[in-house]
């Protein structure tokens, strides 16, 4: 039973705490792009969730206790005790676990990238159909984002036709004002 088995409770507590650490670590890496964030988080998950076996000598002569613990804990205790063979084998396990976790993060990023690409293609196809319908009805075909080629060409020709944009367009042409009156930081007054 889980309630009477203290090792089961210990592993359950470790699993819950490690999930909390991983979630907060992933959120703390929010300043990074998605790829390194996923790779780092899953590499740390591999380090935290890799189990390793250990043995402790008991008071009776020749007897020992064998158990399982997280590999990071076993490696730390083997380092502190100076047990080189256990430390190197556990360190190898940790390197393999970090590489496997990083590969899982890379796979998740690649799968998510495929879904994002499919959504982008569907959006482009939908916008293309909308542009065809708009051009049939006599509209220019650009939506408010100006992402369609017809809209970009129309904007380019419109800007080229403005006399101030062409050098040497005439004698004394007054330059256009680039900012509106509100951009001069004039605060409206309440009357």
N, C-alpha and C. Protein backbone atom coordinates (compact mmCIF):
# COMPACT_ATOMS: atom_id res chain seq x y z
N UNK A 1 0.82 -1.19 0.00
CA UNK A 1 0.00 0.00 0.00
C UNK A 1 0.87 1.25 0.00
N UNK A 2 0.38 2.30 -0.65
CA UNK A 2 1.13 3.53 -0.76
C UNK A 2 1.25 4.24 0.59
N UNK A 3 0.21 4.14 1.42
CA UNK A 3 0.23 4.86 2.70
C UNK A 3 1.23 4.24 3.66
N UNK A 4 1.33 2.93 3.69
CA UNK A 4 2.23 2.28 4.64
C UNK A 4 3.66 2.20 4.13
N UNK A 5 3.88 2.36 2.82
CA UNK A 5 5.21 2.25 2.25
C UNK A 5 5.85 3.63 2.19
N UNK A 6 6.86 3.85 3.02
CA UNK A 6 7.48 5.17 3.06
C UNK A 6 8.28 5.46 1.79
N UNK A 7 8.83 4.44 1.13
CA UNK A 7 9.57 4.67 -0.11
C UNK A 7 8.62 5.13 -1.23
N UNK A 8 7.43 4.57 -1.26
CA UNK A 8 6.44 5.00 -2.25
C UNK A 8 6.05 6.46 -2.05
N UNK A 9 5.86 6.84 -0.79
CA UNK A 9 5.54 8.24 -0.49
C UNK A 9 6.71 9.16 -0.84
N UNK A 10 7.91 8.68 -0.60
CA UNK A 10 9.09 9.48 -0.93
C UNK A 10 9.18 9.71 -2.44
N UNK A 11 8.96 8.65 -3.22
CA UNK A 11 8.99 8.80 -4.68
C UNK A 11 7.85 9.68 -5.18
N UNK A 12 6.68 9.56 -4.58
CA UNK A 12 5.55 10.40 -4.98
C UNK A 12 5.83 11.86 -4.69
N UNK A 13 6.37 12.15 -3.52
CA UNK A 13 6.74 13.52 -3.18
C UNK A 13 7.81 14.07 -4.11
N UNK A 14 8.78 13.23 -4.47
CA UNK A 14 9.82 13.66 -5.40
C UNK A 14 9.24 13.95 -6.78
N UNK A 15 8.29 13.12 -7.23
CA UNK A 15 7.68 13.33 -8.54
C UNK A 15 6.90 14.64 -8.58
N UNK A 16 6.13 14.91 -7.52
CA UNK A 16 5.34 16.14 -7.48
C UNK A 16 6.25 17.37 -7.44
N UNK A 17 7.27 17.32 -6.60
CA UNK A 17 8.19 18.46 -6.51
C UNK A 17 8.97 18.66 -7.80
N UNK A 18 9.37 17.57 -8.46
CA UNK A 18 10.12 17.72 -9.69
C UNK A 18 9.26 18.31 -10.81
N UNK A 19 7.98 17.96 -10.84
CA UNK A 19 7.08 18.56 -11.84
C UNK A 19 6.92 20.05 -11.56
N UNK A 20 6.80 20.43 -10.29
CA UNK A 20 6.69 21.86 -9.96
C UNK A 20 7.96 22.61 -10.34
N UNK A 21 9.12 22.00 -10.10
CA UNK A 21 10.39 22.63 -10.47
C UNK A 21 10.48 22.79 -11.98
N UNK A 22 10.06 21.77 -12.72
CA UNK A 22 10.12 21.86 -14.18
C UNK A 22 9.19 22.92 -14.73
N UNK A 23 7.99 23.03 -14.19
CA UNK A 23 7.04 24.03 -14.67
C UNK A 23 7.55 25.44 -14.38
N UNK A 24 8.03 25.67 -13.16
CA UNK A 24 8.55 27.00 -12.84
C UNK A 24 9.82 27.31 -13.61
N UNK A 25 10.65 26.29 -13.85
CA UNK A 25 11.85 26.51 -14.65
C UNK A 25 11.52 26.85 -16.09
N UNK A 26 10.52 26.17 -16.66
CA UNK A 26 10.09 26.47 -18.03
C UNK A 26 9.55 27.88 -18.12
N UNK A 27 8.76 28.28 -17.14
CA UNK A 27 8.21 29.64 -17.14
C UNK A 27 9.29 30.68 -16.89
N UNK A 28 10.30 30.34 -16.11
CA UNK A 28 11.39 31.28 -15.85
C UNK A 28 12.23 31.50 -17.09
N UNK A 29 12.27 30.54 -17.99
CA UNK A 29 13.02 30.68 -19.24
C UNK A 29 12.18 31.31 -20.33
N UNK A 30 11.14 32.01 -19.98
CA UNK A 30 10.23 32.62 -20.95
C UNK A 30 10.88 33.65 -21.84
N UNK A 31 12.04 34.19 -21.45
CA UNK A 31 12.71 35.17 -22.29
C UNK A 31 13.42 34.52 -23.47
N UNK A 32 13.60 33.20 -23.43
CA UNK A 32 14.24 32.48 -24.52
C UNK A 32 13.22 32.09 -25.58
N UNK A 33 13.66 31.86 -26.81
CA UNK A 33 12.75 31.30 -27.82
C UNK A 33 12.31 29.89 -27.42
N UNK A 34 11.33 29.38 -28.13
CA UNK A 34 10.71 28.11 -27.74
C UNK A 34 11.66 26.92 -27.83
N UNK A 35 12.51 26.88 -28.86
CA UNK A 35 13.42 25.74 -29.03
C UNK A 35 14.37 25.57 -27.86
N UNK A 36 15.19 26.58 -27.49
CA UNK A 36 16.08 26.36 -26.35
C UNK A 36 15.34 26.15 -25.04
N UNK A 37 14.18 26.78 -24.89
CA UNK A 37 13.41 26.61 -23.66
C UNK A 37 12.98 25.15 -23.50
N UNK A 38 12.48 24.54 -24.59
CA UNK A 38 12.05 23.14 -24.51
C UNK A 38 13.23 22.20 -24.33
N UNK A 39 14.33 22.44 -25.04
CA UNK A 39 15.49 21.55 -24.93
C UNK A 39 16.06 21.60 -23.52
N UNK A 40 16.21 22.80 -22.96
CA UNK A 40 16.77 22.92 -21.61
C UNK A 40 15.84 22.29 -20.57
N UNK A 41 14.55 22.55 -20.69
CA UNK A 41 13.60 22.01 -19.71
C UNK A 41 13.57 20.48 -19.74
N UNK A 42 13.56 19.91 -20.94
CA UNK A 42 13.52 18.45 -21.03
C UNK A 42 14.86 17.81 -20.67
N UNK A 43 15.97 18.51 -20.89
CA UNK A 43 17.26 17.98 -20.43
C UNK A 43 17.30 17.94 -18.91
N UNK A 44 16.78 18.98 -18.28
CA UNK A 44 16.72 18.99 -16.81
C UNK A 44 15.76 17.90 -16.32
N UNK A 45 14.66 17.69 -17.04
CA UNK A 45 13.74 16.61 -16.67
C UNK A 45 14.43 15.26 -16.74
N UNK A 46 15.24 15.06 -17.78
CA UNK A 46 15.99 13.80 -17.88
C UNK A 46 16.95 13.63 -16.71
N UNK A 47 17.60 14.72 -16.31
CA UNK A 47 18.50 14.66 -15.16
C UNK A 47 17.76 14.33 -13.87
N UNK A 48 16.58 14.91 -13.71
CA UNK A 48 15.85 14.72 -12.47
C UNK A 48 15.15 13.37 -12.38
N UNK A 49 14.73 12.82 -13.52
CA UNK A 49 13.91 11.61 -13.49
C UNK A 49 14.68 10.32 -13.79
N UNK A 50 15.98 10.40 -13.99
CA UNK A 50 16.75 9.18 -14.24
C UNK A 50 17.03 8.48 -12.90
N UNK A 51 16.55 7.24 -12.75
CA UNK A 51 16.83 6.51 -11.50
C UNK A 51 18.18 5.78 -11.60
N UNK A 52 18.74 5.51 -10.46
CA UNK A 52 19.98 4.74 -10.38
C UNK A 52 19.91 3.85 -9.15
N UNK A 53 20.55 2.70 -9.23
CA UNK A 53 20.57 1.80 -8.08
C UNK A 53 21.78 2.10 -7.21
N UNK A 54 21.62 1.83 -5.95
CA UNK A 54 22.71 2.04 -5.00
C UNK A 54 22.67 0.93 -3.96
N UNK A 55 23.74 0.79 -3.22
CA UNK A 55 23.77 -0.17 -2.11
C UNK A 55 24.50 0.46 -0.92
N UNK A 56 23.94 0.24 0.25
CA UNK A 56 24.52 0.75 1.48
C UNK A 56 24.88 -0.43 2.39
N UNK A 57 26.05 -0.42 2.97
CA UNK A 57 26.40 -1.52 3.89
C UNK A 57 25.60 -1.40 5.20
N UNK A 58 25.16 -2.54 5.68
CA UNK A 58 24.43 -2.58 6.95
C UNK A 58 25.38 -2.90 8.09
N UNK A 59 24.87 -2.85 9.32
CA UNK A 59 25.70 -3.11 10.49
C UNK A 59 26.17 -4.56 10.55
N UNK A 60 25.32 -5.48 10.08
CA UNK A 60 25.74 -6.88 10.06
C UNK A 60 26.82 -7.06 9.02
N UNK A 61 27.77 -7.90 9.32
CA UNK A 61 28.91 -8.12 8.44
C UNK A 61 28.48 -8.73 7.11
N UNK A 62 28.87 -8.11 6.01
CA UNK A 62 28.62 -8.66 4.69
C UNK A 62 27.23 -8.40 4.14
N UNK A 63 26.38 -7.73 4.85
CA UNK A 63 25.04 -7.45 4.35
C UNK A 63 24.95 -6.00 3.88
N UNK A 64 24.09 -5.78 2.90
CA UNK A 64 23.92 -4.42 2.39
C UNK A 64 22.47 -4.22 1.94
N UNK A 65 22.10 -2.96 1.88
CA UNK A 65 20.76 -2.60 1.44
C UNK A 65 20.86 -2.10 0.01
N UNK A 66 20.02 -2.62 -0.87
CA UNK A 66 19.99 -2.21 -2.27
C UNK A 66 18.70 -1.45 -2.53
N UNK A 67 18.81 -0.33 -3.23
CA UNK A 67 17.62 0.45 -3.51
C UNK A 67 17.80 1.30 -4.77
N UNK A 68 16.77 2.07 -5.06
CA UNK A 68 16.78 2.98 -6.21
C UNK A 68 16.57 4.40 -5.70
N UNK A 69 17.24 5.32 -6.35
CA UNK A 69 17.11 6.73 -6.03
C UNK A 69 17.37 7.53 -7.30
N UNK A 70 17.02 8.81 -7.31
CA UNK A 70 17.36 9.63 -8.48
C UNK A 70 18.87 9.64 -8.71
N UNK A 71 19.26 9.55 -9.98
CA UNK A 71 20.68 9.43 -10.31
C UNK A 71 21.48 10.65 -9.85
N UNK A 72 20.86 11.82 -9.84
CA UNK A 72 21.58 13.02 -9.39
C UNK A 72 21.94 12.90 -7.92
N UNK A 73 21.04 12.34 -7.12
CA UNK A 73 21.31 12.17 -5.69
C UNK A 73 22.38 11.11 -5.48
N UNK A 74 22.29 10.01 -6.22
CA UNK A 74 23.29 8.93 -6.10
C UNK A 74 24.66 9.45 -6.52
N UNK A 75 24.73 10.23 -7.60
CA UNK A 75 26.02 10.77 -8.04
C UNK A 75 26.59 11.74 -7.02
N UNK A 76 25.74 12.57 -6.42
CA UNK A 76 26.23 13.52 -5.42
C UNK A 76 26.77 12.79 -4.19
N UNK A 77 26.06 11.77 -3.73
CA UNK A 77 26.53 11.02 -2.56
C UNK A 77 27.79 10.22 -2.89
N UNK A 78 27.87 9.66 -4.10
CA UNK A 78 29.07 8.93 -4.49
C UNK A 78 30.27 9.88 -4.59
N UNK A 79 30.06 11.09 -5.03
CA UNK A 79 31.13 12.07 -5.09
C UNK A 79 31.60 12.45 -3.69
N UNK A 80 30.63 12.67 -2.78
CA UNK A 80 31.00 13.05 -1.41
C UNK A 80 31.70 11.91 -0.67
N UNK A 81 31.32 10.68 -0.97
CA UNK A 81 31.95 9.53 -0.32
C UNK A 81 33.25 9.12 -0.99
N UNK A 82 33.52 9.63 -2.18
CA UNK A 82 34.74 9.30 -2.90
C UNK A 82 34.67 7.97 -3.62
N UNK A 83 33.50 7.47 -3.91
CA UNK A 83 33.31 6.21 -4.63
C UNK A 83 33.35 6.50 -6.14
N UNK A 84 34.55 6.36 -6.74
CA UNK A 84 34.74 6.74 -8.13
C UNK A 84 33.95 5.86 -9.10
N UNK A 85 33.88 4.58 -8.85
CA UNK A 85 33.21 3.69 -9.80
C UNK A 85 31.70 3.98 -9.86
N UNK A 86 31.09 4.17 -8.71
CA UNK A 86 29.67 4.49 -8.68
C UNK A 86 29.42 5.89 -9.27
N UNK A 87 30.33 6.83 -8.99
CA UNK A 87 30.18 8.18 -9.50
C UNK A 87 30.27 8.21 -11.03
N UNK A 88 31.23 7.52 -11.62
CA UNK A 88 31.38 7.54 -13.08
C UNK A 88 30.21 6.85 -13.77
N UNK A 89 29.74 5.73 -13.21
CA UNK A 89 28.61 5.05 -13.84
C UNK A 89 27.33 5.89 -13.73
N UNK A 90 27.13 6.54 -12.61
CA UNK A 90 25.95 7.38 -12.44
C UNK A 90 26.07 8.66 -13.27
N UNK A 91 27.27 9.19 -13.40
CA UNK A 91 27.47 10.37 -14.23
C UNK A 91 27.19 10.03 -15.70
N UNK A 92 27.58 8.84 -16.14
CA UNK A 92 27.26 8.41 -17.50
C UNK A 92 25.74 8.32 -17.69
N UNK A 93 25.04 7.78 -16.70
CA UNK A 93 23.58 7.73 -16.76
C UNK A 93 22.97 9.13 -16.87
N UNK A 94 23.54 10.08 -16.12
CA UNK A 94 23.02 11.44 -16.15
C UNK A 94 23.24 12.10 -17.51
N UNK A 95 24.39 11.85 -18.12
CA UNK A 95 24.66 12.42 -19.44
C UNK A 95 23.70 11.84 -20.47
N UNK A 96 23.47 10.52 -20.42
CA UNK A 96 22.52 9.89 -21.35
C UNK A 96 21.11 10.42 -21.11
N UNK A 97 20.73 10.59 -19.85
CA UNK A 97 19.39 11.09 -19.53
C UNK A 97 19.21 12.52 -20.02
N UNK A 98 20.23 13.37 -19.85
CA UNK A 98 20.13 14.75 -20.32
C UNK A 98 20.05 14.79 -21.85
N UNK A 99 20.80 13.95 -22.53
CA UNK A 99 20.74 13.91 -23.99
C UNK A 99 19.38 13.41 -24.46
N UNK A 100 18.84 12.39 -23.80
CA UNK A 100 17.52 11.88 -24.18
C UNK A 100 16.44 12.92 -23.91
N UNK A 101 16.53 13.62 -22.79
CA UNK A 101 15.58 14.68 -22.50
C UNK A 101 15.66 15.82 -23.50
N UNK A 102 16.88 16.22 -23.85
CA UNK A 102 17.05 17.26 -24.86
C UNK A 102 16.48 16.84 -26.21
N UNK A 103 16.66 15.56 -26.56
CA UNK A 103 16.09 15.05 -27.81
C UNK A 103 14.56 15.07 -27.76
N UNK A 104 13.98 14.75 -26.62
CA UNK A 104 12.52 14.83 -26.49
C UNK A 104 12.04 16.28 -26.64
N UNK A 105 12.76 17.23 -26.06
CA UNK A 105 12.41 18.64 -26.23
C UNK A 105 12.52 19.09 -27.67
N UNK A 106 13.55 18.61 -28.37
CA UNK A 106 13.71 18.94 -29.79
C UNK A 106 12.58 18.33 -30.61
N UNK A 107 12.18 17.11 -30.27
CA UNK A 107 11.07 16.46 -30.98
C UNK A 107 9.76 17.22 -30.74
N UNK A 108 9.52 17.65 -29.51
CA UNK A 108 8.31 18.43 -29.22
C UNK A 108 8.30 19.75 -29.99
N UNK A 109 9.46 20.40 -30.07
CA UNK A 109 9.55 21.64 -30.83
C UNK A 109 9.26 21.38 -32.31
N UNK A 110 9.82 20.31 -32.85
CA UNK A 110 9.63 20.00 -34.26
C UNK A 110 8.16 19.68 -34.55
N UNK A 111 7.51 18.92 -33.66
CA UNK A 111 6.09 18.63 -33.85
C UNK A 111 5.25 19.90 -33.75
N UNK A 112 5.56 20.76 -32.82
CA UNK A 112 4.84 22.03 -32.69
C UNK A 112 5.08 22.94 -33.87
N UNK A 113 6.29 22.91 -34.42
CA UNK A 113 6.61 23.72 -35.59
C UNK A 113 5.80 23.25 -36.79
N UNK A 114 5.62 21.95 -36.92
CA UNK A 114 4.81 21.41 -38.01
C UNK A 114 3.37 21.85 -37.92
N UNK A 115 2.82 21.86 -36.71
CA UNK A 115 1.44 22.33 -36.53
C UNK A 115 1.33 23.82 -36.83
N UNK A 116 2.31 24.59 -36.39
CA UNK A 116 2.29 26.04 -36.65
C UNK A 116 2.41 26.30 -38.15
N UNK A 117 3.23 25.52 -38.84
CA UNK A 117 3.37 25.68 -40.29
C UNK A 117 2.07 25.32 -41.00
N UNK A 118 1.40 24.26 -40.53
CA UNK A 118 0.12 23.88 -41.14
C UNK A 118 -0.93 24.97 -40.92
N UNK A 119 -0.95 25.58 -39.73
CA UNK A 119 -1.89 26.68 -39.47
C UNK A 119 -1.58 27.88 -40.35
N UNK A 120 -0.29 28.17 -40.54
CA UNK A 120 0.10 29.29 -41.38
C UNK A 120 -0.30 29.05 -42.83
N UNK A 121 -0.09 27.81 -43.32
CA UNK A 121 -0.48 27.48 -44.69
C UNK A 121 -1.99 27.60 -44.87
N UNK A 122 -2.74 27.12 -43.88
CA UNK A 122 -4.21 27.22 -43.96
C UNK A 122 -4.65 28.68 -43.96
N UNK A 123 -4.00 29.51 -43.15
CA UNK A 123 -4.34 30.93 -43.11
C UNK A 123 -4.02 31.58 -44.46
N UNK A 124 -2.88 31.25 -45.05
CA UNK A 124 -2.52 31.81 -46.35
C UNK A 124 -3.51 31.37 -47.42
N UNK A 125 -3.91 30.09 -47.37
CA UNK A 125 -4.87 29.60 -48.36
C UNK A 125 -6.22 30.30 -48.18
N UNK A 126 -6.64 30.47 -46.93
CA UNK A 126 -7.91 31.15 -46.65
C UNK A 126 -7.84 32.61 -47.09
N UNK A 127 -6.73 33.29 -46.81
CA UNK A 127 -6.57 34.68 -47.24
C UNK A 127 -6.50 34.77 -48.75
N UNK A 128 -5.91 33.79 -49.41
CA UNK A 128 -5.84 33.77 -50.86
C UNK A 128 -7.23 33.66 -51.46
N UNK A 129 -8.05 32.78 -50.90
CA UNK A 129 -9.43 32.64 -51.39
C UNK A 129 -10.21 33.93 -51.14
N UNK A 130 -9.99 34.56 -49.99
CA UNK A 130 -10.68 35.80 -49.67
C UNK A 130 -10.23 36.89 -50.64
N UNK A 131 -8.95 36.92 -50.99
CA UNK A 131 -8.45 37.90 -51.94
C UNK A 131 -9.04 37.70 -53.31
N UNK A 132 -9.25 36.43 -53.73
CA UNK A 132 -9.87 36.16 -55.02
C UNK A 132 -11.31 36.65 -55.02
N UNK A 133 -12.03 36.42 -53.93
CA UNK A 133 -13.42 36.86 -53.84
C UNK A 133 -13.49 38.38 -53.85
N UNK A 134 -12.59 39.04 -53.13
CA UNK A 134 -12.60 40.49 -53.07
C UNK A 134 -12.24 41.11 -54.41
N UNK A 135 -11.29 40.49 -55.14
CA UNK A 135 -10.90 41.07 -56.43
C UNK A 135 -12.00 40.87 -57.46
N UNK A 136 -12.81 39.81 -57.32
CA UNK A 136 -13.93 39.62 -58.24
C UNK A 136 -15.00 40.68 -58.03
N UNK A 137 -15.16 41.14 -56.81
CA UNK A 137 -16.19 42.13 -56.52
C UNK A 137 -15.72 43.55 -56.76
N UNK A 138 -14.49 43.72 -57.24
CA UNK A 138 -14.00 45.06 -57.54
C UNK A 138 -13.19 45.66 -56.41
N UNK A 139 -13.00 44.96 -55.31
CA UNK A 139 -12.21 45.46 -54.19
C UNK A 139 -10.73 45.26 -54.51
N UNK A 140 -9.86 45.94 -53.79
CA UNK A 140 -8.44 45.83 -54.09
C UNK A 140 -7.84 44.53 -53.58
N UNK A 141 -8.50 43.81 -52.69
CA UNK A 141 -8.02 42.51 -52.23
C UNK A 141 -7.15 42.57 -51.00
N UNK A 142 -6.95 43.72 -50.42
CA UNK A 142 -6.11 43.75 -49.22
C UNK A 142 -6.99 43.91 -48.00
N UNK A 143 -6.63 43.17 -46.98
CA UNK A 143 -7.33 43.32 -45.71
C UNK A 143 -6.60 44.37 -44.89
N UNK A 144 -6.97 44.51 -43.65
CA UNK A 144 -6.39 45.58 -42.85
C UNK A 144 -4.93 45.35 -42.53
N UNK A 145 -4.41 44.14 -42.72
CA UNK A 145 -2.99 43.92 -42.48
C UNK A 145 -2.15 44.22 -43.68
N UNK A 146 -2.74 44.32 -44.87
CA UNK A 146 -2.01 44.64 -46.08
C UNK A 146 -1.08 43.52 -46.52
N UNK A 147 -1.43 42.26 -46.25
CA UNK A 147 -0.53 41.15 -46.50
C UNK A 147 -0.62 40.60 -47.90
N UNK A 148 -1.62 40.98 -48.71
CA UNK A 148 -1.75 40.40 -50.03
C UNK A 148 -0.90 41.16 -51.03
N UNK A 149 -0.44 40.52 -52.09
CA UNK A 149 0.42 41.20 -53.05
C UNK A 149 -0.27 42.35 -53.76
N UNK A 150 -1.59 42.23 -54.06
CA UNK A 150 -2.27 43.33 -54.74
C UNK A 150 -2.26 44.57 -53.86
N UNK A 151 -2.49 44.40 -52.58
CA UNK A 151 -2.50 45.53 -51.65
C UNK A 151 -1.13 46.16 -51.55
N UNK A 152 -0.08 45.34 -51.55
CA UNK A 152 1.28 45.88 -51.45
C UNK A 152 1.63 46.66 -52.71
N UNK A 153 1.22 46.18 -53.87
CA UNK A 153 1.50 46.89 -55.11
C UNK A 153 0.74 48.21 -55.16
N UNK A 154 -0.50 48.20 -54.69
CA UNK A 154 -1.30 49.41 -54.70
C UNK A 154 -0.70 50.46 -53.77
N UNK A 155 -0.23 50.04 -52.62
CA UNK A 155 0.38 50.97 -51.68
C UNK A 155 1.67 51.53 -52.26
N UNK A 156 2.46 50.69 -52.91
CA UNK A 156 3.72 51.14 -53.50
C UNK A 156 3.49 52.18 -54.58
N UNK A 157 2.49 51.96 -55.45
CA UNK A 157 2.22 52.94 -56.50
C UNK A 157 1.66 54.22 -55.92
N UNK A 158 0.85 54.11 -54.90
CA UNK A 158 0.30 55.32 -54.29
C UNK A 158 1.40 56.17 -53.68
N UNK A 159 2.34 55.55 -52.99
CA UNK A 159 3.42 56.30 -52.37
C UNK A 159 4.36 56.89 -53.41
N UNK A 160 4.55 56.20 -54.53
CA UNK A 160 5.44 56.73 -55.57
C UNK A 160 4.81 57.92 -56.28
N UNK A 161 3.50 58.04 -56.26
CA UNK A 161 2.83 59.12 -56.96
C UNK A 161 2.81 60.42 -56.17
N UNK A 162 3.17 60.39 -54.91
CA UNK A 162 3.18 61.60 -54.10
C UNK A 162 4.37 62.45 -54.52
N UNK A 163 4.17 63.73 -54.87
CA UNK A 163 5.26 64.56 -55.39
C UNK A 163 6.40 64.75 -54.39
N UNK A 164 6.14 64.76 -53.09
CA UNK A 164 7.19 64.98 -52.11
C UNK A 164 8.16 63.80 -52.05
N UNK A 165 7.72 62.62 -52.47
CA UNK A 165 8.58 61.45 -52.40
C UNK A 165 9.59 61.40 -53.55
N UNK A 166 9.30 62.11 -54.64
CA UNK A 166 10.22 62.08 -55.77
C UNK A 166 11.19 63.25 -55.66
N UNK A 167 12.49 62.98 -55.76
CA UNK A 167 13.44 64.08 -55.69
C UNK A 167 13.34 64.95 -56.94
N UNK A 168 13.49 66.24 -56.77
CA UNK A 168 13.45 67.19 -57.87
C UNK A 168 12.10 67.29 -58.52
N UNK A 169 11.02 67.17 -57.75
CA UNK A 169 9.68 67.18 -58.31
C UNK A 169 9.18 68.58 -58.58
N UNK A 170 9.91 69.55 -58.33
CA UNK A 170 9.43 70.90 -58.57
C UNK A 170 10.17 71.87 -57.69
N UNK A 171 9.89 73.13 -57.85
CA UNK A 171 10.62 74.18 -57.14
C UNK A 171 10.62 74.02 -55.64
N UNK A 172 9.83 74.78 -54.96
CA UNK A 172 9.83 74.79 -53.50
C UNK A 172 8.67 73.95 -52.99
N UNK A 173 8.94 72.69 -52.78
CA UNK A 173 7.92 71.79 -52.25
C UNK A 173 8.13 71.69 -50.76
N UNK A 174 7.09 71.97 -50.03
CA UNK A 174 7.19 71.91 -48.58
C UNK A 174 7.24 70.46 -48.13
N UNK A 175 8.20 70.07 -47.29
CA UNK A 175 8.24 68.67 -46.83
C UNK A 175 7.04 68.33 -45.97
N UNK A 176 6.63 67.05 -46.08
CA UNK A 176 5.48 66.61 -45.29
C UNK A 176 5.85 66.49 -43.83
N UNK A 177 4.89 66.72 -42.98
CA UNK A 177 5.08 66.53 -41.55
C UNK A 177 4.90 65.04 -41.25
N UNK A 178 5.88 64.45 -40.58
CA UNK A 178 5.86 63.01 -40.34
C UNK A 178 5.00 62.61 -39.15
N UNK A 179 4.81 63.50 -38.22
CA UNK A 179 4.06 63.14 -37.01
C UNK A 179 2.78 63.96 -36.94
N UNK A 180 1.80 63.38 -36.32
CA UNK A 180 0.56 64.13 -36.13
C UNK A 180 0.72 65.12 -34.99
N UNK A 181 -0.27 65.98 -34.83
CA UNK A 181 -0.18 66.98 -33.77
C UNK A 181 -0.20 66.34 -32.39
N UNK A 182 -0.87 65.21 -32.22
CA UNK A 182 -0.93 64.56 -30.92
C UNK A 182 0.40 63.91 -30.56
N UNK A 183 1.27 63.65 -31.55
CA UNK A 183 2.53 63.02 -31.22
C UNK A 183 3.53 64.00 -30.63
N UNK A 184 3.20 65.30 -30.61
CA UNK A 184 4.08 66.29 -30.00
C UNK A 184 3.90 66.33 -28.48
N UNK A 185 3.21 65.38 -27.95
CA UNK A 185 2.99 65.22 -26.50
C UNK A 185 2.13 66.34 -25.93
N UNK A 186 1.19 66.82 -26.70
CA UNK A 186 0.27 67.81 -26.19
C UNK A 186 -0.85 67.06 -25.47
N UNK A 187 -1.00 67.34 -24.24
CA UNK A 187 -2.00 66.67 -23.44
C UNK A 187 -3.33 67.41 -23.63
N UNK A 188 -4.40 66.68 -23.89
CA UNK A 188 -5.70 67.37 -23.99
C UNK A 188 -6.14 67.87 -22.62
N UNK A 189 -6.76 69.03 -22.60
CA UNK A 189 -7.21 69.60 -21.34
C UNK A 189 -8.70 69.36 -21.17
N UNK A 190 -9.08 69.14 -19.96
CA UNK A 190 -10.49 68.95 -19.65
C UNK A 190 -11.09 70.29 -19.29
N UNK A 191 -12.14 70.70 -19.95
CA UNK A 191 -12.68 72.04 -19.74
C UNK A 191 -13.93 72.06 -19.06
